[in-house]
Amino acid sequence: MPFPDGIMAFPDFLRGSAMSNHVTQSSPESNSNTGQSVLKMTIEIKGQETDDLQLALEEVMRLLDGGFTSGFDRNETGSYRFFCA
């Protein structure tokens, strides 16, 4: 379901999550020196088990493949947040 300013809510990705994740979508900026698009990505993933970390990383990759440049989600066992600048 779309929200104002390009924020989207998606189904939960981690087991037992009570929150929806939120992501934004935008276009990359050009590097003024080379004219090429340059992105920098920051990801923070937390979990109680390695499976939690793997699920979160897979969800970040899925969202990136969908064209999203930022997002977050959390539950009792883990969380993630990422953004590209």
Foldseek 3Di string as FASTA:
>chain_A
DDDPPQWDWDDDQDPPFPDTKIFHADDFDADPVPRHGDKDKDKDKDFPDVVSRVSAVVVVVVVVVVRTAWMKGDGDGMIMIMGMD
